[in-house]
PDB file of N, CA and C in Angstrom:
ATOM      1  N   MET A   1      13.847  35.234  27.662  1.00  0.00           N
ATOM      2  CA  MET A   1      13.837  34.684  26.002  1.00  0.00           C
ATOM      3  C   MET A   1      14.243  34.017  25.493  1.00  0.00           C
ATOM      4  N   SER A   2      12.532  33.540  25.779  1.00  0.00           N
ATOM      5  CA  SER A   2      12.378  32.399  25.001  1.00  0.00           C
ATOM      6  C   SER A   2      11.416  33.328  23.675  1.00  0.00           C
ATOM      7  N   GLU A   3      11.286  32.873  22.656  1.00  0.00           N
ATOM      8  CA  GLU A   3      10.413  33.156  21.236  1.00  0.00           C
ATOM      9  C   GLU A   3       8.710  32.352  21.564  1.00  0.00           C
ATOM     10  N   SER A   4       7.798  33.918  20.958  1.00  0.00           N
ATOM     11  CA  SER A   4       6.041  33.574  21.293  1.00  0.00           C
ATOM     12  C   SER A   4       5.908  32.457  20.158  1.00  0.00           C
ATOM     13  N   THR A   5       5.897  31.333  20.648  1.00  0.00           N
ATOM     14  CA  THR A   5       5.236  29.743  19.959  1.00  0.00           C
ATOM     15  C   THR A   5       3.518  30.744  19.365  1.00  0.00           C
ATOM     16  N   THR A   6       3.096  31.740  19.576  1.00  0.00           N
ATOM     17  CA  THR A   6       2.259  32.246  18.644  1.00  0.00           C
ATOM     18  C   THR A   6       2.478  32.055  16.950  1.00  0.00           C
ATOM     19  N   GLU A   7       3.753  32.014  16.652  1.00  0.00           N
ATOM     20  CA  GLU A   7       4.155  32.240  15.518  1.00  0.00           C
ATOM     21  C   GLU A   7       3.727  31.104  14.740  1.00  0.00           C
ATOM     22  N   THR A   8       3.697  31.121  13.477  1.00  0.00           N
ATOM     23  CA  THR A   8       2.965  30.457  12.877  1.00  0.00           C
ATOM     24  C   THR A   8       4.077  28.736  11.835  1.00  0.00           C
ATOM     25  N   ALA A   9       4.962  30.317  11.436  1.00  0.00           N
ATOM     26  CA  ALA A   9       5.982  29.882  10.715  1.00  0.00           C
ATOM     27  C   ALA A   9       7.415  30.531  10.408  1.00  0.00           C
ATOM     28  N   PRO A  10       8.618  30.811  10.516  1.00  0.00           N
ATOM     29  CA  PRO A  10       9.651  30.966  10.267  1.00  0.00           C
ATOM     30  C   PRO A  10       9.792  31.992   9.053  1.00  0.00           C
ATOM     31  N   PRO A  11      10.107  32.929   9.336  1.00  0.00           N
ATOM     32  CA  PRO A  11      10.078  33.799   7.709  1.00  0.00           C
ATOM     33  C   PRO A  11      10.615  32.993   6.608  1.00  0.00           C
ATOM     34  N   GLY A  12       9.934  33.383   5.274  1.00  0.00           N
ATOM     35  CA  GLY A  12      10.571  32.735   4.314  1.00  0.00           C
ATOM     36  C   GLY A  12      10.542  30.805   3.822  1.00  0.00           C
ATOM     37  N   GLY A  13       9.411  30.556   5.127  1.00  0.00           N
ATOM     38  CA  GLY A  13       9.391  28.821   5.328  1.00  0.00           C
ATOM     39  C   GLY A  13       8.730  28.292   5.489  1.00  0.00           C
ATOM     40  N   ILE A  14       7.851  27.057   5.425  1.00  0.00           N
ATOM     41  CA  ILE A  14       6.579  26.120   4.984  1.00  0.00           C
ATOM     42  C   ILE A  14       5.808  26.553   6.952  1.00  0.00           C
ATOM     43  N   ASP A  15       4.630  27.226   6.629  1.00  0.00           N
ATOM     44  CA  ASP A  15       3.792  26.688   7.533  1.00  0.00           C
ATOM     45  C   ASP A  15       3.785  25.238   8.291  1.00  0.00           C
ATOM     46  N   TYR A  16       4.571  24.576   8.744  1.00  0.00           N
ATOM     47  CA  TYR A  16       3.781  23.159   9.829  1.00  0.00           C
ATOM     48  C   TYR A  16       2.807  23.164   9.850  1.00  0.00           C
ATOM     49  N   ILE A  17       2.691  23.789  10.742  1.00  0.00           N
ATOM     50  CA  ILE A  17       1.302  24.206  11.190  1.00  0.00           C
ATOM     51  C   ILE A  17      -0.239  23.883  10.889  1.00  0.00           C
ATOM     52  N   ALA A  18       0.166  24.870   9.788  1.00  0.00           N
ATOM     53  CA  ALA A  18      -0.562  25.061   9.236  1.00  0.00           C
ATOM     54  C   ALA A  18      -1.261  23.442   8.691  1.00  0.00           C
ATOM     55  N   VAL A  19       0.030  22.725   7.811  1.00  0.00           N
ATOM     56  CA  VAL A  19      -0.132  21.950   7.326  1.00  0.00           C
ATOM     57  C   VAL A  19      -0.732  20.613   8.456  1.00  0.00           C
ATOM     58  N   GLU A  20      -0.728  20.522   9.308  1.00  0.00           N
ATOM     59  CA  GLU A  20      -0.844  19.538   9.678  1.00  0.00           C
ATOM     60  C   GLU A  20      -2.443  19.998   9.817  1.00  0.00           C
ATOM     61  N   GLU A  21      -2.671  21.122  10.338  1.00  0.00           N
ATOM     62  CA  GLU A  21      -4.268  21.505  10.319  1.00  0.00           C
ATOM     63  C   GLU A  21      -5.289  21.657   9.303  1.00  0.00           C
ATOM     64  N   SER A  22      -4.893  21.106   8.442  1.00  0.00           N
ATOM     65  CA  SER A  22      -5.653  21.058   6.518  1.00  0.00           C
ATOM     66  C   SER A  22      -6.540  20.384   6.117  1.00  0.00           C
ATOM     67  N   PRO A  23      -7.672  20.036   6.000  1.00  0.00           N
ATOM     68  CA  PRO A  23      -8.024  19.091   5.679  1.00  0.00           C
ATOM     69  C   PRO A  23      -7.644  17.753   5.076  1.00  0.00           C
ATOM     70  N   ARG A  24      -6.691  18.044   4.640  1.00  0.00           N
ATOM     71  CA  ARG A  24      -6.015  16.333   3.416  1.00  0.00           C
ATOM     72  C   ARG A  24      -5.373  15.915   4.436  1.00  0.00           C
ATOM     73  N   PHE A  25      -4.311  16.238   5.821  1.00  0.00           N
ATOM     74  CA  PHE A  25      -3.780  16.173   6.865  1.00  0.00           C
ATOM     75  C   PHE A  25      -4.751  15.279   7.932  1.00  0.00           C
ATOM     76  N   ILE A  26      -5.760  16.261   7.752  1.00  0.00           N
ATOM     77  CA  ILE A  26      -7.050  15.229   8.600  1.00  0.00           C
ATOM     78  C   ILE A  26      -7.638  14.514   8.287  1.00  0.00           C
ATOM     79  N   GLU A  27      -7.569  14.237   6.792  1.00  0.00           N
ATOM     80  CA  GLU A  27      -7.725  13.081   6.103  1.00  0.00           C
ATOM     81  C   GLU A  27      -7.315  12.100   6.951  1.00  0.00           C
ATOM     82  N   LEU A  28      -5.932  12.299   6.287  1.00  0.00           N
ATOM     83  CA  LEU A  28      -4.758  11.402   6.515  1.00  0.00           C
ATOM     84  C   LEU A  28      -4.618  10.599   7.343  1.00  0.00           C
ATOM     85  N   LYS A  29      -4.569  11.052   8.587  1.00  0.00           N
ATOM     86  CA  LYS A  29      -4.796  10.867  10.199  1.00  0.00           C
ATOM     87  C   LYS A  29      -6.179  10.026  10.189  1.00  0.00           C
ATOM     88  N   ARG A  30      -6.933  10.372   9.627  1.00  0.00           N
ATOM     89  CA  ARG A  30      -8.279  10.316  10.175  1.00  0.00           C
ATOM     90  C   ARG A  30      -8.728   8.375   9.329  1.00  0.00           C
ATOM     91  N   ARG A  31      -7.901   8.728   8.476  1.00  0.00           N
ATOM     92  CA  ARG A  31      -7.916   7.094   7.267  1.00  0.00           C
ATOM     93  C   ARG A  31      -6.783   6.482   8.658  1.00  0.00           C
ATOM     94  N   GLN A  32      -5.790   7.025   8.402  1.00  0.00           N
ATOM     95  CA  GLN A  32      -4.604   5.799   9.195  1.00  0.00           C
ATOM     96  C   GLN A  32      -5.132   4.947  10.426  1.00  0.00           C
ATOM     97  N   ARG A  33      -6.058   6.346  11.327  1.00  0.00           N
ATOM     98  CA  ARG A  33      -6.102   5.479  12.653  1.00  0.00           C
ATOM     99  C   ARG A  33      -7.214   4.781  12.663  1.00  0.00           C
ATOM    100  N   GLY A  34      -8.070   5.332  11.521  1.00  0.00           N
ATOM    101  CA  GLY A  34      -9.817   4.018  11.129  1.00  0.00           C
ATOM    102  C   GLY A  34      -9.419   2.201  11.189  1.00  0.00           C
ATOM    103  N   PHE A  35      -7.907   2.562  10.716  1.00  0.00           N
ATOM    104  CA  PHE A  35      -7.665   1.162  10.409  1.00  0.00           C
ATOM    105  C   PHE A  35      -6.565   0.745  10.899  1.00  0.00           C
ATOM    106  N   VAL A  36      -5.745   1.326  11.928  1.00  0.00           N
ATOM    107  CA  VAL A  36      -4.696   0.558  12.505  1.00  0.00           C
ATOM    108  C   VAL A  36      -5.405   0.254  14.741  1.00  0.00           C
ATOM    109  N   PHE A  37      -5.927   1.613  14.782  1.00  0.00           N
ATOM    110  CA  PHE A  37      -6.689   0.963  16.136  1.00  0.00           C
ATOM    111  C   PHE A  37      -7.293  -0.165  15.598  1.00  0.00           C
ATOM    112  N   PRO A  38      -8.953  -0.293  14.829  1.00  0.00           N
ATOM    113  CA  PRO A  38      -9.510  -1.480  15.255  1.00  0.00           C
ATOM    114  C   PRO A  38      -8.745  -3.070  15.060  1.00  0.00           C
ATOM    115  N   LEU A  39      -7.720  -2.394  13.878  1.00  0.00           N
ATOM    116  CA  LEU A  39      -6.915  -3.848  14.031  1.00  0.00           C
ATOM    117  C   LEU A  39      -6.108  -4.215  15.109  1.00  0.00           C
ATOM    118  N   ALA A  40      -5.193  -3.106  15.738  1.00  0.00           N
ATOM    119  CA  ALA A  40      -4.592  -3.303  16.984  1.00  0.00           C
ATOM    120  C   ALA A  40      -5.109  -3.991  18.086  1.00  0.00           C
ATOM    121  N   ILE A  41      -5.903  -3.662  18.214  1.00  0.00           N
ATOM    122  CA  ILE A  41      -7.334  -3.742  19.415  1.00  0.00           C
ATOM    123  C   ILE A  41      -7.434  -5.193  19.602  1.00  0.00           C
ATOM    124  N   ALA A  42      -8.353  -5.318  17.619  1.00  0.00           N
ATOM    125  CA  ALA A  42      -8.802  -7.306  16.999  1.00  0.00           C
ATOM    126  C   ALA A  42      -7.358  -8.060  17.806  1.00  0.00           C
ATOM    127  N   PHE A  43      -6.141  -7.669  17.496  1.00  0.00           N
ATOM    128  CA  PHE A  43      -5.186  -8.683  17.654  1.00  0.00           C
ATOM    129  C   PHE A  43      -4.584  -8.911  18.606  1.00  0.00           C
ATOM    130  N   LEU A  44      -4.640  -7.470  19.506  1.00  0.00           N
ATOM    131  CA  LEU A  44      -4.442  -7.760  21.424  1.00  0.00           C
ATOM    132  C   LEU A  44      -5.864  -8.566  21.811  1.00  0.00           C
ATOM    133  N   VAL A  45      -6.729  -8.719  21.109  1.00  0.00           N
ATOM    134  CA  VAL A  45      -7.779  -9.328  21.860  1.00  0.00           C
ATOM    135  C   VAL A  45      -7.506 -10.838  21.711  1.00  0.00           C
ATOM    136  N   TRP A  46      -6.917 -11.372  20.261  1.00  0.00           N
ATOM    137  CA  TRP A  46      -6.830 -12.749  19.885  1.00  0.00           C
ATOM    138  C   TRP A  46      -5.563 -12.947  20.569  1.00  0.00           C
ATOM    139  N   TYR A  47      -4.565 -11.939  21.372  1.00  0.00           N
ATOM    140  CA  TYR A  47      -3.251 -12.637  21.656  1.00  0.00           C
ATOM    141  C   TYR A  47      -3.233 -13.448  23.246  1.00  0.00           C
ATOM    142  N   PHE A  48      -4.038 -12.032  23.624  1.00  0.00           N
ATOM    143  CA  PHE A  48      -4.452 -11.986  25.072  1.00  0.00           C
ATOM    144  C   PHE A  48      -5.375 -13.214  25.565  1.00  0.00           C
ATOM    145  N   ALA A  49      -6.163 -13.843  24.554  1.00  0.00           N
ATOM    146  CA  ALA A  49      -7.567 -14.908  24.712  1.00  0.00           C
ATOM    147  C   ALA A  49      -5.813 -16.164  24.873  1.00  0.00           C
ATOM    148  N   TYR A  50      -5.432 -16.292  23.486  1.00  0.00           N
ATOM    149  CA  TYR A  50      -4.399 -17.054  23.280  1.00  0.00           C
ATOM    150  C   TYR A  50      -3.837 -16.951  24.922  1.00  0.00           C
ATOM    151  N   VAL A  51      -2.993 -16.099  25.166  1.00  0.00           N
ATOM    152  CA  VAL A  51      -2.018 -16.408  26.816  1.00  0.00           C
ATOM    153  C   VAL A  51      -3.162 -17.154  27.578  1.00  0.00           C
ATOM    154  N   LEU A  52      -4.318 -16.170  27.782  1.00  0.00           N
ATOM    155  CA  LEU A  52      -5.255 -16.671  28.842  1.00  0.00           C
ATOM    156  C   LEU A  52      -5.705 -18.743  28.571  1.00  0.00           C
ATOM    157  N   LEU A  53      -5.959 -18.843  27.814  1.00  0.00           N
ATOM    158  CA  LEU A  53      -6.469 -20.111  27.378  1.00  0.00           C
ATOM    159  C   LEU A  53      -4.909 -20.822  27.642  1.00  0.00           C
ATOM    160  N   SER A  54      -3.860 -20.651  27.332  1.00  0.00           N
ATOM    161  CA  SER A  54      -2.669 -21.447  27.292  1.00  0.00           C
ATOM    162  C   SER A  54      -2.720 -21.149  29.084  1.00  0.00           C
ATOM    163  N   SER A  55      -3.082 -20.465  29.814  1.00  0.00           N
ATOM    164  CA  SER A  55      -2.260 -20.723  31.087  1.00  0.00           C
ATOM    165  C   SER A  55      -4.112 -20.944  32.176  1.00  0.00           C
ATOM    166  N   PHE A  56      -5.071 -21.116  32.013  1.00  0.00           N
ATOM    167  CA  PHE A  56      -6.325 -21.371  32.241  1.00  0.00           C
ATOM    168  C   PHE A  56      -7.025 -22.525  31.672  1.00  0.00           C
ATOM    169  N   ALA A  57      -6.835 -22.667  30.360  1.00  0.00           N
ATOM    170  CA  ALA A  57      -7.322 -23.505  29.797  1.00  0.00           C
ATOM    171  C   ALA A  57      -6.588 -24.359  29.383  1.00  0.00           C
ATOM    172  N   ARG A  58      -5.304 -25.549  30.023  1.00  0.00           N
ATOM    173  CA  ARG A  58      -4.247 -26.699  29.659  1.00  0.00           C
ATOM    174  C   ARG A  58      -5.344 -27.773  29.044  1.00  0.00           C
ATOM    175  N   ASP A  59      -6.621 -27.948  29.440  1.00  0.00           N
ATOM    176  CA  ASP A  59      -6.750 -29.337  28.535  1.00  0.00           C
ATOM    177  C   ASP A  59      -6.946 -28.637  27.377  1.00  0.00           C
ATOM    178  N   PHE A  60      -8.428 -27.645  27.143  1.00  0.00           N
ATOM    179  CA  PHE A  60      -8.231 -27.674  25.557  1.00  0.00           C
ATOM    180  C   PHE A  60      -7.025 -27.463  24.840  1.00  0.00           C
ATOM    181  N   MET A  61      -5.598 -26.577  25.537  1.00  0.00           N
ATOM    182  CA  MET A  61      -4.927 -26.233  24.605  1.00  0.00           C
ATOM    183  C   MET A  61      -4.210 -27.573  23.863  1.00  0.00           C
ATOM    184  N   SER A  62      -3.959 -28.435  25.660  1.00  0.00           N
ATOM    185  CA  SER A  62      -3.738 -29.795  25.402  1.00  0.00           C
ATOM    186  C   SER A  62      -4.362 -30.810  24.610  1.00  0.00           C
ATOM    187  N   GLN A  63      -5.626 -30.223  23.741  1.00  0.00           N
ATOM    188  CA  GLN A  63      -6.338 -31.849  22.861  1.00  0.00           C
ATOM    189  C   GLN A  63      -5.121 -31.693  21.956  1.00  0.00           C
ATOM    190  N   ARG A  64      -4.859 -32.942  21.191  1.00  0.00           N
ATOM    191  CA  ARG A  64      -4.458 -33.263  19.997  1.00  0.00           C
ATOM    192  C   ARG A  64      -5.336 -33.304  18.781  1.00  0.00           C
ATOM    193  N   VAL A  65      -4.941 -32.450  17.564  1.00  0.00           N
ATOM    194  CA  VAL A  65      -5.236 -32.263  16.579  1.00  0.00           C
ATOM    195  C   VAL A  65      -5.810 -33.220  15.529  1.00  0.00           C
ATOM    196  N   TRP A  66      -3.668 -33.415  15.404  1.00  0.00           N
ATOM    197  CA  TRP A  66      -3.251 -35.163  15.160  1.00  0.00           C
ATOM    198  C   TRP A  66      -1.796 -34.894  14.975  1.00  0.00           C
ATOM    199  N   GLY A  67      -1.850 -36.554  15.357  1.00  0.00           N
ATOM    200  CA  GLY A  67      -0.982 -36.646  16.602  1.00  0.00           C
ATOM    201  C   GLY A  67      -0.082 -36.172  17.418  1.00  0.00           C
ATOM    202  N   ASP A  68       1.213 -35.319  16.766  1.00  0.00           N
ATOM    203  CA  ASP A  68       1.717 -34.899  18.449  1.00  0.00           C
ATOM    204  C   ASP A  68       1.078 -32.563  18.548  1.00  0.00           C
ATOM    205  N   VAL A  69       0.200 -32.436  17.103  1.00  0.00           N
ATOM    206  CA  VAL A  69      -0.002 -31.032  17.236  1.00  0.00           C
ATOM    207  C   VAL A  69      -1.130 -31.157  18.228  1.00  0.00           C
ATOM    208  N   THR A  70      -1.102 -30.288  19.134  1.00  0.00           N
ATOM    209  CA  THR A  70      -2.699 -29.756  19.222  1.00  0.00           C
ATOM    210  C   THR A  70      -2.800 -28.059  18.996  1.00  0.00           C
ATOM    211  N   VAL A  71      -4.293 -28.315  19.581  1.00  0.00           N
ATOM    212  CA  VAL A  71      -4.522 -26.800  19.622  1.00  0.00           C
ATOM    213  C   VAL A  71      -3.617 -25.828  20.089  1.00  0.00           C
ATOM    214  N   GLY A  72      -3.134 -25.636  20.898  1.00  0.00           N
ATOM    215  CA  GLY A  72      -2.412 -24.752  21.375  1.00  0.00           C
ATOM    216  C   GLY A  72      -0.762 -24.333  20.140  1.00  0.00           C
ATOM    217  N   LEU A  73      -0.141 -25.181  19.620  1.00  0.00           N
ATOM    218  CA  LEU A  73       0.170 -25.228  19.438  1.00  0.00           C
ATOM    219  C   LEU A  73       0.020 -24.694  17.870  1.00  0.00           C
ATOM    220  N   LEU A  74      -1.179 -25.066  17.110  1.00  0.00           N
ATOM    221  CA  LEU A  74      -1.760 -24.093  16.355  1.00  0.00           C
ATOM    222  C   LEU A  74      -2.603 -22.965  16.366  1.00  0.00           C
ATOM    223  N   PHE A  75      -2.888 -22.548  17.923  1.00  0.00           N
ATOM    224  CA  PHE A  75      -3.477 -21.150  18.187  1.00  0.00           C
ATOM    225  C   PHE A  75      -2.205 -20.201  17.932  1.00  0.00           C
ATOM    226  N   GLY A  76      -0.989 -20.674  18.868  1.00  0.00           N
ATOM    227  CA  GLY A  76       0.808 -19.778  18.642  1.00  0.00           C
ATOM    228  C   GLY A  76       0.985 -19.570  17.119  1.00  0.00           C
ATOM    229  N   LEU A  77       1.111 -20.447  16.158  1.00  0.00           N
ATOM    230  CA  LEU A  77       1.523 -20.973  14.587  1.00  0.00           C
ATOM    231  C   LEU A  77       0.192 -19.357  14.501  1.00  0.00           C
ATOM    232  N   GLY A  78      -1.194 -19.553  14.720  1.00  0.00           N
ATOM    233  CA  GLY A  78      -2.141 -18.639  14.248  1.00  0.00           C
ATOM    234  C   GLY A  78      -1.806 -17.137  14.648  1.00  0.00           C
ATOM    235  N   GLN A  79      -0.788 -16.860  15.916  1.00  0.00           N
ATOM    236  CA  GLN A  79      -0.587 -15.697  15.998  1.00  0.00           C
ATOM    237  C   GLN A  79       0.530 -14.950  15.182  1.00  0.00           C
ATOM    238  N   PHE A  80       1.370 -15.807  14.625  1.00  0.00           N
ATOM    239  CA  PHE A  80       2.874 -15.382  13.427  1.00  0.00           C
ATOM    240  C   PHE A  80       1.570 -15.562  11.757  1.00  0.00           C
ATOM    241  N   VAL A  81       0.988 -16.394  11.280  1.00  0.00           N
ATOM    242  CA  VAL A  81      -0.214 -15.804  10.081  1.00  0.00           C
ATOM    243  C   VAL A  81      -0.809 -14.467   9.959  1.00  0.00           C
ATOM    244  N   THR A  82      -1.461 -14.524  11.439  1.00  0.00           N
ATOM    245  CA  THR A  82      -1.724 -13.089  11.792  1.00  0.00           C
ATOM    246  C   THR A  82      -1.354 -11.906  11.901  1.00  0.00           C
ATOM    247  N   THR A  83      -0.472 -11.967  12.211  1.00  0.00           N
ATOM    248  CA  THR A  83       0.521 -11.179  11.847  1.00  0.00           C
ATOM    249  C   THR A  83       1.047 -10.984  10.434  1.00  0.00           C
ATOM    250  N   PHE A  84       1.741 -11.708  10.040  1.00  0.00           N
ATOM    251  CA  PHE A  84       1.993 -11.214   8.228  1.00  0.00           C
ATOM    252  C   PHE A  84       0.297 -10.918   8.369  1.00  0.00           C
ATOM    253  N   ALA A  85      -0.485 -11.362   8.425  1.00  0.00           N
ATOM    254  CA  ALA A  85      -2.000 -11.292   7.433  1.00  0.00           C
ATOM    255  C   ALA A  85      -1.753  -9.806   7.745  1.00  0.00           C
ATOM    256  N   ILE A  86      -2.393  -9.358   9.372  1.00  0.00           N
ATOM    257  CA  ILE A  86      -2.518  -7.781   9.683  1.00  0.00           C
ATOM    258  C   ILE A  86      -1.110  -7.153   8.738  1.00  0.00           C
ATOM    259  N   THR A  87       0.150  -7.281   8.209  1.00  0.00           N
ATOM    260  CA  THR A  87       1.178  -6.359   7.958  1.00  0.00           C
ATOM    261  C   THR A  87       0.719  -6.002   5.891  1.00  0.00           C
ATOM    262  N   MET A  88       0.975  -7.512   5.874  1.00  0.00           N
ATOM    263  CA  MET A  88       0.287  -7.365   4.250  1.00  0.00           C
ATOM    264  C   MET A  88      -0.322  -6.861   3.949  1.00  0.00           C
ATOM    265  N   THR A  89      -2.055  -6.628   5.097  1.00  0.00           N
ATOM    266  CA  THR A  89      -3.034  -6.051   4.769  1.00  0.00           C
ATOM    267  C   THR A  89      -3.241  -4.248   5.088  1.00  0.00           C
ATOM    268  N   TYR A  90      -1.784  -3.826   5.545  1.00  0.00           N
ATOM    269  CA  TYR A  90      -1.421  -3.076   6.206  1.00  0.00           C
ATOM    270  C   TYR A  90      -0.919  -2.303   4.672  1.00  0.00           C
ATOM    271  N   VAL A  91      -0.038  -2.844   4.022  1.00  0.00           N
ATOM    272  CA  VAL A  91       0.610  -2.140   2.724  1.00  0.00           C
ATOM    273  C   VAL A  91      -0.257  -2.445   2.184  1.00  0.00           C
ATOM    274  N   TRP A  92      -1.394  -3.252   1.638  1.00  0.00           N
ATOM    275  CA  TRP A  92      -2.271  -2.822   0.219  1.00  0.00           C
ATOM    276  C   TRP A  92      -3.081  -1.985   0.737  1.00  0.00           C
ATOM    277  N   TYR A  93      -3.842  -1.458   1.889  1.00  0.00           N
ATOM    278  CA  TYR A  93      -4.539  -0.479   2.105  1.00  0.00           C
ATOM    279  C   TYR A  93      -4.240   1.017   2.478  1.00  0.00           C
ATOM    280  N   ALA A  94      -2.882   0.724   2.392  1.00  0.00           N
ATOM    281  CA  ALA A  94      -1.324   2.750   2.769  1.00  0.00           C
ATOM    282  C   ALA A  94      -1.171   2.630   1.302  1.00  0.00           C
ATOM    283  N   ASN A  95      -1.203   1.206   0.441  1.00  0.00           N
ATOM    284  CA  ASN A  95      -0.486   2.228  -0.896  1.00  0.00           C
ATOM    285  C   ASN A  95      -2.148   2.888  -1.310  1.00  0.00           C
ATOM    286  N   ARG A  96      -3.542   2.050  -1.161  1.00  0.00           N
ATOM    287  CA  ARG A  96      -4.091   2.640  -2.086  1.00  0.00           C
ATOM    288  C   ARG A  96      -5.282   3.653  -1.998  1.00  0.00           C
ATOM    289  N   LYS A  97      -5.006   3.736   0.420  1.00  0.00           N
ATOM    290  CA  LYS A  97      -5.882   5.057   0.504  1.00  0.00           C
ATOM    291  C   LYS A  97      -4.888   5.522   1.025  1.00  0.00           C
ATOM    292  N   LEU A  98      -3.891   5.395   1.700  1.00  0.00           N
ATOM    293  CA  LEU A  98      -2.581   6.748   2.016  1.00  0.00           C
ATOM    294  C   LEU A  98      -1.943   7.382   1.175  1.00  0.00           C
ATOM    295  N   ASP A  99      -1.433   6.137   0.813  1.00  0.00           N
ATOM    296  CA  ASP A  99      -0.127   6.804   0.504  1.00  0.00           C
ATOM    297  C   ASP A  99      -0.482   8.155  -1.126  1.00  0.00           C
ATOM    298  N   PRO A 100      -2.051   8.220  -1.441  1.00  0.00           N
ATOM    299  CA  PRO A 100      -2.221   8.590  -2.524  1.00  0.00           C
ATOM    300  C   PRO A 100      -2.617  10.985  -2.171  1.00  0.00           C
ATOM    301  N   ILE A 101      -2.281  10.425  -0.822  1.00  0.00           N
ATOM    302  CA  ILE A 101      -2.771  12.064  -0.257  1.00  0.00           C
ATOM    303  C   ILE A 101      -1.554  11.894   0.396  1.00  0.00           C
ATOM    304  N   ALA A 102      -1.176  11.232   0.801  1.00  0.00           N
ATOM    305  CA  ALA A 102       0.514  11.591   1.071  1.00  0.00           C
ATOM    306  C   ALA A 102       1.234  12.164   0.435  1.00  0.00           C
ATOM    307  N   GLU A 103       1.285  11.299  -0.766  1.00  0.00           N
ATOM    308  CA  GLU A 103       1.847  12.501  -2.225  1.00  0.00           C
ATOM    309  C   GLU A 103       0.685  13.404  -2.294  1.00  0.00           C
ATOM    310  N   GLU A 104       0.096  13.490  -2.128  1.00  0.00           N
ATOM    311  CA  GLU A 104      -0.168  14.725  -2.344  1.00  0.00           C
ATOM    312  C   GLU A 104       0.314  15.925  -1.536  1.00  0.00           C
ATOM    313  N   ILE A 105       0.585  15.710  -0.441  1.00  0.00           N
ATOM    314  CA  ILE A 105       0.943  16.617   1.103  1.00  0.00           C
ATOM    315  C   ILE A 105       1.841  17.129  -0.282  1.00  0.00           C
ATOM    316  N   ARG A 106       2.586  16.051   0.207  1.00  0.00           N
ATOM    317  CA  ARG A 106       4.510  16.457  -0.135  1.00  0.00           C
ATOM    318  C   ARG A 106       4.257  16.904  -1.888  1.00  0.00           C
ATOM    319  N   GLY A 107       3.625  17.047  -2.515  1.00  0.00           N
ATOM    320  CA  GLY A 107       4.381  17.738  -3.735  1.00  0.00           C
ATOM    321  C   GLY A 107       3.829  19.234  -3.125  1.00  0.00           C
ATOM    322  N   GLU A 108       2.668  19.301  -2.765  1.00  0.00           N
ATOM    323  CA  GLU A 108       1.896  21.179  -2.313  1.00  0.00           C
ATOM    324  C   GLU A 108       3.823  21.525  -1.354  1.00  0.00           C
ATOM    325  N   LEU A 109       4.213  20.196  -0.441  1.00  0.00           N
ATOM    326  CA  LEU A 109       5.445  20.957   0.098  1.00  0.00           C
ATOM    327  C   LEU A 109       6.718  21.437  -0.287  1.00  0.00           C
ATOM    328  N   GLU A 110       7.027  20.501  -1.412  1.00  0.00           N
ATOM    329  CA  GLU A 110       7.942  20.385  -2.327  1.00  0.00           C
ATOM    330  C   GLU A 110       7.809  21.705  -3.288  1.00  0.00           C
ATOM    331  N   ALA A 111       6.204  22.011  -3.843  1.00  0.00           N
ATOM    332  CA  ALA A 111       6.005  22.967  -4.416  1.00  0.00           C
ATOM    333  C   ALA A 111       6.419  24.488  -3.261  1.00  0.00           C
ATOM    334  N   GLN A 112       5.703  23.940  -2.419  1.00  0.00           N
ATOM    335  CA  GLN A 112       6.032  25.434  -1.158  1.00  0.00           C
ATOM    336  C   GLN A 112       7.581  25.742  -0.748  1.00  0.00           C
ATOM    337  N   GLU A 113       8.707  25.187  -0.525  1.00  0.00           N
ATOM    338  CA  GLU A 113       9.557  24.929  -1.024  1.00  0.00           C
ATOM    339  C   GLU A 113      10.494  25.381  -1.747  1.00  0.00           C
ATOM    340  N   GLN A 114      10.114  24.792  -2.900  1.00  0.00           N
ATOM    341  CA  GLN A 114      10.293  25.225  -4.460  1.00  0.00           C
ATOM    342  C   GLN A 114      10.535  27.262  -4.397  1.00  0.00           C
ATOM    343  N   GLU A 115       9.103  27.820  -3.944  1.00  0.00           N
ATOM    344  CA  GLU A 115       8.996  28.803  -4.134  1.00  0.00           C
ATOM    345  C   GLU A 115       9.258  29.385  -3.272  1.00  0.00           C
ATOM    346  N   VAL A 116      10.282  28.869  -1.755  1.00  0.00           N
ATOM    347  CA  VAL A 116      10.723  29.831  -1.126  1.00  0.00           C
ATOM    348  C   VAL A 116      12.311  29.920  -1.039  1.00  0.00           C
ATOM    349  N   ARG A 117      12.495  29.738  -1.843  1.00  0.00           N
ATOM    350  CA  ARG A 117      14.270  29.148  -2.290  1.00  0.00           C
ATOM    351  C   ARG A 117      14.358  29.635  -3.976  1.00  0.00           C
ATOM    352  N   SER A 118      13.146  30.144  -4.284  1.00  0.00           N
ATOM    353  CA  SER A 118      13.038  30.522  -5.359  1.00  0.00           C
ATOM    354  C   SER A 118      13.538  32.102  -5.013  1.00  0.00           C
TER     355      SER A 118
END
């Protein structure tokens, strides 16, 4: 009693598989992944470098920069700064490069939905 998975859209519905395979959606995914993956990898390298330095380079990390402020403390605070910088950069990128394509796709889907309802 299982339905065939080769059906592309319910009768009178929107073919979301076709939307997912459309050039605009593929471009949207490519742009998003092209931005997110390199930044995620860079941040993970930075994070693990901090953890490894904290564990194995204690003399370096405990060097005082000024007063009681050490290199390790600056690197730790740098993790927070990096996180906020990545977030702000992604929001900027998404607003300019991803959202216009997403809005275009959404507009097309809403128009198709209106046609189906009419």
